[in-house]
C-alpha atoms as a PDB file:
ATOM      1  CA  MET A   1    -145.844  74.936  52.225  1.00  0.00           C
ATOM      2  CA  ALA A   2    -148.832  77.187  51.458  1.00  0.00           C
ATOM      3  CA  ALA A   3    -151.958  75.081  50.928  1.00  0.00           C
ATOM      4  CA  GLU A   4    -153.726  75.868  47.646  1.00  0.00           C
ATOM      5  CA  ILE A   5    -157.536  76.068  47.589  1.00  0.00           C
ATOM      6  CA  LYS A   6    -160.168  76.177  44.851  1.00  0.00           C
ATOM      7  CA  PRO A   7    -161.262  79.597  43.504  1.00  0.00           C
ATOM      8  CA  ILE A   8    -164.964  80.563  43.661  1.00  0.00           C
ATOM      9  CA  GLY A   9    -167.047  83.629  42.800  1.00  0.00           C
ATOM     10  CA  MET A  10    -165.913  84.274  39.231  1.00  0.00           C
ATOM     11  CA  LEU A  11    -168.629  85.100  36.717  1.00  0.00           C
ATOM     12  CA  ASN A  12    -166.831  84.169  33.506  1.00  0.00           C
ATOM     13  CA  ASN A  13    -164.910  81.213  34.906  1.00  0.00           C
ATOM     14  CA  LYS A  14    -165.055  79.035  31.787  1.00  0.00           C
ATOM     15  CA  SER A  15    -163.570  81.611  29.427  1.00  0.00           C
ATOM     16  CA  ALA A  16    -161.180  82.785  32.159  1.00  0.00           C
ATOM     17  CA  GLU A  17    -159.467  79.407  32.352  1.00  0.00           C
ATOM     18  CA  THR A  18    -157.667  80.057  29.063  1.00  0.00           C
ATOM     19  CA  LYS A  19    -156.755  83.673  29.849  1.00  0.00           C
ATOM     20  CA  PHE A  20    -155.145  83.675  33.276  1.00  0.00           C
ATOM     21  CA  LYS A  21    -154.312  81.532  36.281  1.00  0.00           C
ATOM     22  CA  LEU A  22    -155.905  82.281  39.639  1.00  0.00           C
ATOM     23  CA  SER A  23    -154.353  80.578  42.658  1.00  0.00           C
ATOM     24  CA  LEU A  24    -155.620  80.757  46.251  1.00  0.00           C
ATOM     25  CA  PHE A  25    -153.618  79.838  49.345  1.00  0.00           C
ATOM     26  CA  ARG A  26    -154.521  79.345  52.988  1.00  0.00           C
ATOM     27  CA  PRO A  27    -152.697  81.501  55.557  1.00  0.00           C
ATOM     28  CA  SER A  28    -150.445  80.150  58.273  1.00  0.00           C
ATOM     29  CA  GLU A  29    -152.227  79.305  61.508  1.00  0.00           C
ATOM     30  CA  HIS A  30    -151.032  82.391  63.397  1.00  0.00           C
ATOM     31  CA  LEU A  31    -152.525  84.657  60.699  1.00  0.00           C
ATOM     32  CA  ALA A  32    -155.779  82.780  60.087  1.00  0.00           C
ATOM     33  CA  PHE A  33    -157.664  84.943  62.609  1.00  0.00           C
ATOM     34  CA  PHE A  34    -157.240  87.902  60.244  1.00  0.00           C
ATOM     35  CA  VAL A  35    -156.665  86.406  56.788  1.00  0.00           C
ATOM     36  CA  GLU A  36    -159.152  84.310  54.815  1.00  0.00           C
ATOM     37  CA  ASN A  37    -156.770  83.554  51.964  1.00  0.00           C
ATOM     38  CA  TYR A  38    -154.058  84.847  49.688  1.00  0.00           C
ATOM     39  CA  TRP A  39    -154.716  85.038  45.975  1.00  0.00           C
ATOM     40  CA  MET A  40    -152.522  85.441  42.946  1.00  0.00           C
ATOM     41  CA  VAL A  41    -153.448  86.219  39.353  1.00  0.00           C
ATOM     42  CA  GLN A  42    -150.923  85.583  36.579  1.00  0.00           C
ATOM     43  CA  TRP A  43    -151.527  86.235  32.895  1.00  0.00           C
ATOM     44  CA  ASP A  44    -149.699  86.467  29.588  1.00  0.00           C
ATOM     45  CA  LEU A  45    -151.884  87.935  26.862  1.00  0.00           C
ATOM     46  CA  ARG A  46    -149.125  89.313  24.670  1.00  0.00           C
ATOM     47  CA  GLY A  47    -150.403  89.225  21.103  1.00  0.00           C
ATOM     48  CA  GLU A  48    -153.998  88.731  22.308  1.00  0.00           C
ATOM     49  CA  GLU A  49    -156.948  90.973  23.053  1.00  0.00           C
ATOM     50  CA  PRO A  50    -157.283  92.273  26.647  1.00  0.00           C
ATOM     51  CA  PHE A  51    -159.578  90.194  28.857  1.00  0.00           C
ATOM     52  CA  LEU A  52    -162.063  91.501  31.424  1.00  0.00           C
ATOM     53  CA  SER A  53    -162.161  89.261  34.503  1.00  0.00           C
ATOM     54  CA  GLU A  54    -165.469  89.670  36.375  1.00  0.00           C
ATOM     55  CA  ASN A  55    -166.190  88.781  39.995  1.00  0.00           C
ATOM     56  CA  LEU A  56    -169.072  88.756  42.445  1.00  0.00           C
ATOM     57  CA  PRO A  57    -168.863  91.032  45.510  1.00  0.00           C
ATOM     58  CA  HIS A  58    -168.075  89.665  48.972  1.00  0.00           C
ATOM     59  CA  PRO A  59    -167.901  91.505  52.323  1.00  0.00           C
ATOM     60  CA  SER A  60    -164.106  91.480  52.561  1.00  0.00           C
ATOM     61  CA  VAL A  61    -161.297  94.022  52.415  1.00  0.00           C
ATOM     62  CA  HIS A  62    -158.299  93.152  50.231  1.00  0.00           C
ATOM     63  CA  MET A  63    -154.687  94.293  50.284  1.00  0.00           C
ATOM     64  CA  VAL A  64    -153.484  94.221  46.687  1.00  0.00           C
ATOM     65  CA  PHE A  65    -149.855  94.162  45.548  1.00  0.00           C
ATOM     66  CA  GLU A  66    -149.652  95.261  41.930  1.00  0.00           C
ATOM     67  CA  LYS A  67    -146.795  96.932  40.073  1.00  0.00           C
ATOM     68  CA  ASN A  68    -147.015 100.667  40.800  1.00  0.00           C
ATOM     69  CA  ASN A  69    -150.549 100.255  42.168  1.00  0.00           C
ATOM     70  CA  THR A  70    -150.314  98.599  45.591  1.00  0.00           C
ATOM     71  CA  ARG A  71    -153.295  99.511  47.763  1.00  0.00           C
ATOM     72  CA  VAL A  72    -156.002  98.482  50.228  1.00  0.00           C
ATOM     73  CA  VAL A  73    -159.340  97.882  48.487  1.00  0.00           C
ATOM     74  CA  GLY A  74    -162.550  98.274  50.468  1.00  0.00           C
ATOM     75  CA  VAL A  75    -165.664  96.156  50.020  1.00  0.00           C
ATOM     76  CA  VAL A  76    -167.067  96.578  46.509  1.00  0.00           C
ATOM     77  CA  THR A  77    -170.861  96.606  46.524  1.00  0.00           C
ATOM     78  CA  GLY A  78    -171.463  95.666  42.884  1.00  0.00           C
ATOM     79  CA  LYS A  79    -170.021  93.366  40.282  1.00  0.00           C
ATOM     80  CA  PHE A  80    -166.406  94.321  39.694  1.00  0.00           C
ATOM     81  CA  GLY A  81    -163.897  93.549  37.012  1.00  0.00           C
ATOM     82  CA  TYR A  82    -160.242  93.956  36.125  1.00  0.00           C
ATOM     83  CA  LEU A  83    -158.943  94.411  32.605  1.00  0.00           C
ATOM     84  CA  LEU A  84    -155.992  92.100  32.004  1.00  0.00           C
ATOM     85  CA  GLU A  85    -153.664  93.078  29.186  1.00  0.00           C
ATOM     86  CA  GLY A  86    -150.088  92.329  28.239  1.00  0.00           C
ATOM     87  CA  TYR A  87    -148.614  90.200  31.003  1.00  0.00           C
ATOM     88  CA  GLY A  88    -148.251  90.477  34.731  1.00  0.00           C
ATOM     89  CA  THR A  89    -148.845  89.234  38.261  1.00  0.00           C
ATOM     90  CA  ILE A  90    -151.029  90.563  41.055  1.00  0.00           C
ATOM     91  CA  PHE A  91    -150.860  89.214  44.612  1.00  0.00           C
ATOM     92  CA  GLY A  92    -153.602  89.876  47.138  1.00  0.00           C
ATOM     93  CA  ILE A  93    -154.609  89.297  50.741  1.00  0.00           C
ATOM     94  CA  LYS A  94    -158.303  88.687  51.366  1.00  0.00           C
ATOM     95  CA  PHE A  95    -159.119  89.514  54.981  1.00  0.00           C
ATOM     96  CA  ARG A  96    -161.911  87.789  56.866  1.00  0.00           C
ATOM     97  CA  PRO A  97    -165.066  89.905  57.166  1.00  0.00           C
ATOM     98  CA  GLY A  98    -164.468  92.511  59.863  1.00  0.00           C
ATOM     99  CA  ALA A  99    -160.835  91.507  60.348  1.00  0.00           C
ATOM    100  CA  PHE A 100    -159.289  94.569  58.741  1.00  0.00           C
ATOM    101  CA  TYR A 101    -160.814  96.954  61.276  1.00  0.00           C
ATOM    102  CA  PRO A 102    -158.133  96.220  63.934  1.00  0.00           C
ATOM    103  CA  PHE A 103    -155.483  97.400  61.438  1.00  0.00           C
ATOM    104  CA  MET A 104    -157.137 100.796  60.855  1.00  0.00           C
ATOM    105  CA  TYR A 105    -159.486 101.595  63.792  1.00  0.00           C
ATOM    106  CA  ILE A 106    -161.730 103.822  61.720  1.00  0.00           C
ATOM    107  CA  PRO A 107    -165.080 102.684  60.298  1.00  0.00           C
ATOM    108  CA  VAL A 108    -164.360 100.292  57.444  1.00  0.00           C
ATOM    109  CA  SER A 109    -167.365 101.823  55.668  1.00  0.00           C
ATOM    110  CA  GLN A 110    -165.103 104.813  54.953  1.00  0.00           C
ATOM    111  CA  ILE A 111    -163.265 102.784  52.298  1.00  0.00           C
ATOM    112  CA  THR A 112    -166.275 100.912  50.878  1.00  0.00           C
ATOM    113  CA  ASN A 113    -166.119 101.152  47.062  1.00  0.00           C
ATOM    114  CA  GLY A 114    -162.786 102.896  47.493  1.00  0.00           C
ATOM    115  CA  THR A 115    -159.106 102.385  48.191  1.00  0.00           C
ATOM    116  CA  MET A 116    -156.510 103.410  50.749  1.00  0.00           C
ATOM    117  CA  LYS A 117    -152.740 103.756  50.472  1.00  0.00           C
ATOM    118  CA  LEU A 118    -150.672 101.405  52.620  1.00  0.00           C
ATOM    119  CA  THR A 119    -148.725 104.403  53.898  1.00  0.00           C
ATOM    120  CA  ALA A 120    -151.923 105.649  55.562  1.00  0.00           C
ATOM    121  CA  LEU A 121    -151.669 102.614  57.850  1.00  0.00           C
ATOM    122  CA  PHE A 122    -148.019 101.607  58.018  1.00  0.00           C
ATOM    123  CA  ASP A 123    -144.645 103.335  58.081  1.00  0.00           C
ATOM    124  CA  LEU A 124    -142.966 101.600  55.148  1.00  0.00           C
ATOM    125  CA  ASN A 125    -141.486 101.937  51.687  1.00  0.00           C
ATOM    126  CA  VAL A 126    -144.310 100.593  49.525  1.00  0.00           C
ATOM    127  CA  GLN A 127    -142.133 100.283  46.417  1.00  0.00           C
ATOM    128  CA  GLU A 128    -139.606  98.113  48.252  1.00  0.00           C
ATOM    129  CA  LEU A 129    -142.347  95.877  49.663  1.00  0.00           C
ATOM    130  CA  GLU A 130    -144.069  95.609  46.273  1.00  0.00           C
ATOM    131  CA  ASP A 131    -140.779  94.664  44.592  1.00  0.00           C
ATOM    132  CA  ALA A 132    -139.902  92.157  47.327  1.00  0.00           C
ATOM    133  CA  ILE A 133    -143.202  90.329  46.790  1.00  0.00           C
ATOM    134  CA  LEU A 134    -143.659  90.513  43.022  1.00  0.00           C
ATOM    135  CA  SER A 135    -140.017  89.765  42.177  1.00  0.00           C
ATOM    136  CA  GLN A 136    -140.187  86.321  43.798  1.00  0.00           C
ATOM    137  CA  ALA A 137    -139.885  83.522  41.263  1.00  0.00           C
ATOM    138  CA  ASP A 138    -142.121  81.072  43.096  1.00  0.00           C
ATOM    139  CA  ARG A 139    -145.450  81.374  44.873  1.00  0.00           C
ATOM    140  CA  GLU A 140    -144.202  79.937  48.158  1.00  0.00           C
ATOM    141  CA  LYS A 141    -141.680  82.766  48.470  1.00  0.00           C
ATOM    142  CA  MET A 142    -144.376  85.333  47.715  1.00  0.00           C
ATOM    143  CA  VAL A 143    -146.532  83.961  50.523  1.00  0.00           C
ATOM    144  CA  GLU A 144    -143.549  83.874  52.896  1.00  0.00           C
ATOM    145  CA  THR A 145    -142.696  87.504  52.110  1.00  0.00           C
ATOM    146  CA  VAL A 146    -146.282  88.670  52.644  1.00  0.00           C
ATOM    147  CA  GLU A 147    -146.604  86.719  55.895  1.00  0.00           C
ATOM    148  CA  PHE A 148    -143.345  88.188  57.210  1.00  0.00           C
ATOM    149  CA  PHE A 149    -144.718  91.675  56.466  1.00  0.00           C
ATOM    150  CA  LEU A 150    -148.089  90.955  58.127  1.00  0.00           C
ATOM    151  CA  THR A 151    -146.671  89.173  61.169  1.00  0.00           C
ATOM    152  CA  ALA A 152    -144.576  92.213  62.068  1.00  0.00           C
ATOM    153  CA  ARG A 153    -147.673  94.419  62.020  1.00  0.00           C
ATOM    154  CA  LEU A 154    -150.393  92.282  63.576  1.00  0.00           C
ATOM    155  CA  PRO A 155    -152.799  94.141  65.865  1.00  0.00           C
ATOM    156  CA  GLU A 156    -154.337  92.567  68.942  1.00  0.00           C
ATOM    157  CA  ARG A 157    -157.134  90.112  68.321  1.00  0.00           C
ATOM    158  CA  ASP A 158    -160.607  91.588  68.632  1.00  0.00           C
ATOM    159  CA  ASP A 159    -163.444  89.369  69.887  1.00  0.00           C
ATOM    160  CA  ASN A 160    -165.890  91.188  67.620  1.00  0.00           C
ATOM    161  CA  VAL A 161    -164.113  89.722  64.593  1.00  0.00           C
ATOM    162  CA  GLU A 162    -165.025  86.207  65.712  1.00  0.00           C
ATOM    163  CA  LEU A 163    -168.605  87.278  66.412  1.00  0.00           C
ATOM    164  CA  ILE A 164    -168.892  88.853  62.961  1.00  0.00           C
ATOM    165  CA  ASN A 165    -167.566  85.725  61.300  1.00  0.00           C
ATOM    166  CA  ARG A 166    -170.055  83.525  63.142  1.00  0.00           C
ATOM    167  CA  ILE A 167    -172.801  85.865  61.949  1.00  0.00           C
ATOM    168  CA  HIS A 168    -171.358  85.936  58.433  1.00  0.00           C
ATOM    169  CA  GLN A 169    -171.245  82.149  58.244  1.00  0.00           C
ATOM    170  CA  VAL A 170    -174.935  81.927  59.134  1.00  0.00           C
ATOM    171  CA  MET A 171    -175.830  84.640  56.614  1.00  0.00           C
ATOM    172  CA  MET A 172    -173.909  82.826  53.916  1.00  0.00           C
ATOM    173  CA  SER A 173    -175.142  79.296  54.548  1.00  0.00           C
ATOM    174  CA  ASP A 174    -178.704  79.565  55.898  1.00  0.00           C
ATOM    175  CA  ARG A 175    -181.026  80.351  52.995  1.00  0.00           C
ATOM    176  CA  GLU A 176    -183.968  80.707  55.380  1.00  0.00           C
ATOM    177  CA  LEU A 177    -182.446  83.804  56.990  1.00  0.00           C
ATOM    178  CA  THR A 178    -183.540  86.645  54.721  1.00  0.00           C
ATOM    179  CA  ARG A 179    -184.066  89.559  57.130  1.00  0.00           C
ATOM    180  CA  VAL A 180    -181.750  91.496  59.434  1.00  0.00           C
ATOM    181  CA  GLU A 181    -184.125  91.043  62.374  1.00  0.00           C
ATOM    182  CA  HIS A 182    -183.968  87.259  61.910  1.00  0.00           C
ATOM    183  CA  VAL A 183    -180.173  87.327  62.133  1.00  0.00           C
ATOM    184  CA  ALA A 184    -180.155  89.710  65.099  1.00  0.00           C
ATOM    185  CA  SER A 185    -182.615  87.499  66.971  1.00  0.00           C
ATOM    186  CA  HIS A 186    -180.549  84.394  66.184  1.00  0.00           C
ATOM    187  CA  PHE A 187    -177.539  86.007  67.907  1.00  0.00           C
ATOM    188  CA  GLN A 188    -179.571  87.645  70.693  1.00  0.00           C
ATOM    189  CA  MET A 189    -178.789  91.144  69.452  1.00  0.00           C
ATOM    190  CA  ASN A 190    -180.963  94.056  68.416  1.00  0.00           C
ATOM    191  CA  SER A 191    -181.030  95.149  64.777  1.00  0.00           C
ATOM    192  CA  ARG A 192    -179.487  98.563  65.439  1.00  0.00           C
ATOM    193  CA  GLY A 193    -176.560  97.028  67.279  1.00  0.00           C
ATOM    194  CA  LEU A 194    -175.969  94.634  64.405  1.00  0.00           C
ATOM    195  CA  GLN A 195    -176.111  97.549  61.938  1.00  0.00           C
ATOM    196  CA  ARG A 196    -173.528  99.537  63.920  1.00  0.00           C
ATOM    197  CA  LEU A 197    -171.226  96.542  64.242  1.00  0.00           C
ATOM    198  CA  PHE A 198    -171.245  95.861  60.496  1.00  0.00           C
ATOM    199  CA  ASN A 199    -170.792  99.523  59.562  1.00  0.00           C
ATOM    200  CA  LEU A 200    -167.758  99.772  61.819  1.00  0.00           C
ATOM    201  CA  TYR A 201    -166.066  96.438  61.137  1.00  0.00           C
ATOM    202  CA  VAL A 202    -167.313  95.128  57.775  1.00  0.00           C
ATOM    203  CA  GLY A 203    -168.025  98.289  55.811  1.00  0.00           C
ATOM    204  CA  VAL A 204    -171.488  97.333  54.574  1.00  0.00           C
ATOM    205  CA  SER A 205    -174.850  96.744  56.216  1.00  0.00           C
ATOM    206  CA  PRO A 206    -176.041  93.297  57.334  1.00  0.00           C
ATOM    207  CA  LYS A 207    -178.949  93.716  54.904  1.00  0.00           C
ATOM    208  CA  TRP A 208    -176.466  94.088  52.043  1.00  0.00           C
ATOM    209  CA  VAL A 209    -174.640  90.914  53.081  1.00  0.00           C
ATOM    210  CA  ILE A 210    -177.846  88.871  53.374  1.00  0.00           C
ATOM    211  CA  GLN A 211    -179.215  90.069  50.056  1.00  0.00           C
ATOM    212  CA  ARG A 212    -175.921  89.564  48.225  1.00  0.00           C
ATOM    213  CA  TYR A 213    -175.626  85.937  49.322  1.00  0.00           C
ATOM    214  CA  ARG A 214    -179.243  85.246  48.438  1.00  0.00           C
ATOM    215  CA  LEU A 215    -178.581  86.846  45.041  1.00  0.00           C
ATOM    216  CA  HIS A 216    -175.536  84.589  44.672  1.00  0.00           C
ATOM    217  CA  ASP A 217    -177.832  81.644  45.437  1.00  0.00           C
ATOM    218  CA  ILE A 218    -180.339  82.854  42.854  1.00  0.00           C
ATOM    219  CA  ALA A 219    -177.556  83.216  40.273  1.00  0.00           C
ATOM    220  CA  GLU A 220    -176.491  79.613  40.799  1.00  0.00           C
ATOM    221  CA  ARG A 221    -180.079  78.375  40.611  1.00  0.00           C
ATOM    222  CA  THR A 222    -180.639  80.433  37.463  1.00  0.00           C
ATOM    223  CA  ALA A 223    -177.509  78.938  35.913  1.00  0.00           C
ATOM    224  CA  ARG A 224    -178.913  75.457  36.639  1.00  0.00           C
ATOM    225  CA  ASP A 225    -182.082  76.531  34.783  1.00  0.00           C
ATOM    226  CA  GLU A 226    -184.303  76.085  37.845  1.00  0.00           C
ATOM    227  CA  GLU A 227    -187.821  77.487  37.730  1.00  0.00           C
ATOM    228  CA  LEU A 228    -187.981  80.359  40.229  1.00  0.00           C
ATOM    229  CA  ASN A 229    -190.951  82.196  41.709  1.00  0.00           C
ATOM    230  CA  TRP A 230    -189.566  85.716  41.378  1.00  0.00           C
ATOM    231  CA  SER A 231    -192.502  87.404  43.102  1.00  0.00           C
ATOM    232  CA  GLN A 232    -192.121  85.186  46.169  1.00  0.00           C
ATOM    233  CA  LEU A 233    -188.337  85.583  46.191  1.00  0.00           C
ATOM    234  CA  ALA A 234    -188.749  89.368  46.095  1.00  0.00           C
ATOM    235  CA  LEU A 235    -191.107  89.231  49.075  1.00  0.00           C
ATOM    236  CA  ASP A 236    -188.803  86.899  51.025  1.00  0.00           C
ATOM    237  CA  LEU A 237    -185.753  89.092  50.441  1.00  0.00           C
ATOM    238  CA  GLY A 238    -187.435  92.373  51.347  1.00  0.00           C
ATOM    239  CA  TYR A 239    -187.755  93.893  47.879  1.00  0.00           C
ATOM    240  CA  HIS A 240    -190.867  95.837  46.893  1.00  0.00           C
ATOM    241  CA  ASP A 241    -191.622  93.599  43.945  1.00  0.00           C
ATOM    242  CA  GLN A 242    -190.174  91.333  41.272  1.00  0.00           C
ATOM    243  CA  THR A 243    -188.924  94.300  39.215  1.00  0.00           C
ATOM    244  CA  HIS A 244    -186.826  95.615  42.118  1.00  0.00           C
ATOM    245  CA  LEU A 245    -185.352  92.160  42.728  1.00  0.00           C
ATOM    246  CA  ILE A 246    -184.347  91.744  39.082  1.00  0.00           C
ATOM    247  CA  LYS A 247    -182.835  95.252  39.153  1.00  0.00           C
ATOM    248  CA  ALA A 248    -180.807  94.282  42.251  1.00  0.00           C
ATOM    249  CA  PHE A 249    -179.740  91.044  40.538  1.00  0.00           C
ATOM    250  CA  LYS A 250    -178.433  93.034  37.572  1.00  0.00           C
ATOM    251  CA  SER A 251    -176.623  95.529  39.830  1.00  0.00           C
ATOM    252  CA  VAL A 252    -174.683  92.681  41.449  1.00  0.00           C
ATOM    253  CA  ILE A 253    -174.315  90.176  38.607  1.00  0.00           C
ATOM    254  CA  GLY A 254    -174.158  92.743  35.807  1.00  0.00           C
ATOM    255  CA  LEU A 255    -176.777  90.900  33.743  1.00  0.00           C
ATOM    256  CA  THR A 256    -180.486  90.199  33.924  1.00  0.00           C
ATOM    257  CA  PRO A 257    -181.340  86.642  35.047  1.00  0.00           C
ATOM    258  CA  GLU A 258    -182.134  85.682  31.443  1.00  0.00           C
ATOM    259  CA  GLU A 259    -178.856  87.142  30.140  1.00  0.00           C
ATOM    260  CA  PHE A 260    -176.954  85.395  32.929  1.00  0.00           C
ATOM    261  CA  ARG A 261    -178.577  82.038  32.154  1.00  0.00           C
ATOM    262  CA  ASN A 262    -177.780  82.389  28.446  1.00  0.00           C
ATOM    263  CA  ARG A 263    -174.163  83.382  29.065  1.00  0.00           C
ATOM    264  CA  ARG A 264    -173.562  80.456  31.393  1.00  0.00           C
ATOM    265  CA  ALA A 265    -175.230  78.057  28.946  1.00  0.00           C
ATOM    266  CA  SER A 266    -173.083  79.279  26.050  1.00  0.00           C
ATOM    267  CA  SER A 267    -169.868  78.879  28.076  1.00  0.00           C
ATOM    268  CA  GLU A 268    -170.516  75.252  29.010  1.00  0.00           C
END
């Protein structure tokens, strides 16, 4: 049975609860090297206004199975949304950071903020695969169908994927690490080598990853109405000044800190 896990990273999570259901599932053990989770969105808004679901960016590639729109989605570097209307189901695979590179063997940065057709990677009938997944009546069967597809096409494991995920975990969890050179030193690498590794495997720079997670942290602290020293935060994160930091916050979150705080407060 696929183990369900709690969703994170949604901006309008309170209002979203009444508009659609988001379910996340852990992969089977033999696929966990490559796959972080599976996700499924189901909605029925017939007779209602369309709803824009908004999400924060993460350094992961997704394979998305959607009626007549199945595709690989590269890392998105800003806030992204999906307009839900009518009714439907979308099933996705979220790959671990760097773990999609062994499937494509071209720089993952080539699909950043873009998409790729499955037929560019695999010899298959996409419509048949899409129908086989989305026609399943229960979620367990969807996961089984996707895992059967992936298992038949698994590349060899790449040690760099594990290295990248160790680095990613530190970037995500250690708030004191705010500079690329700090991370490179922590892993006994040079900054240029780290840059090349992330461009090839992850699709974005290590600086982007560090700053995005610190901006996620700031968003959560802003939502809790904490008093923040924006000038010091800007200095710590490598921005020129407070204005540049707030501009970066808006580019990722889609709102100024004050707007974000007010929206979260009104949704409680």
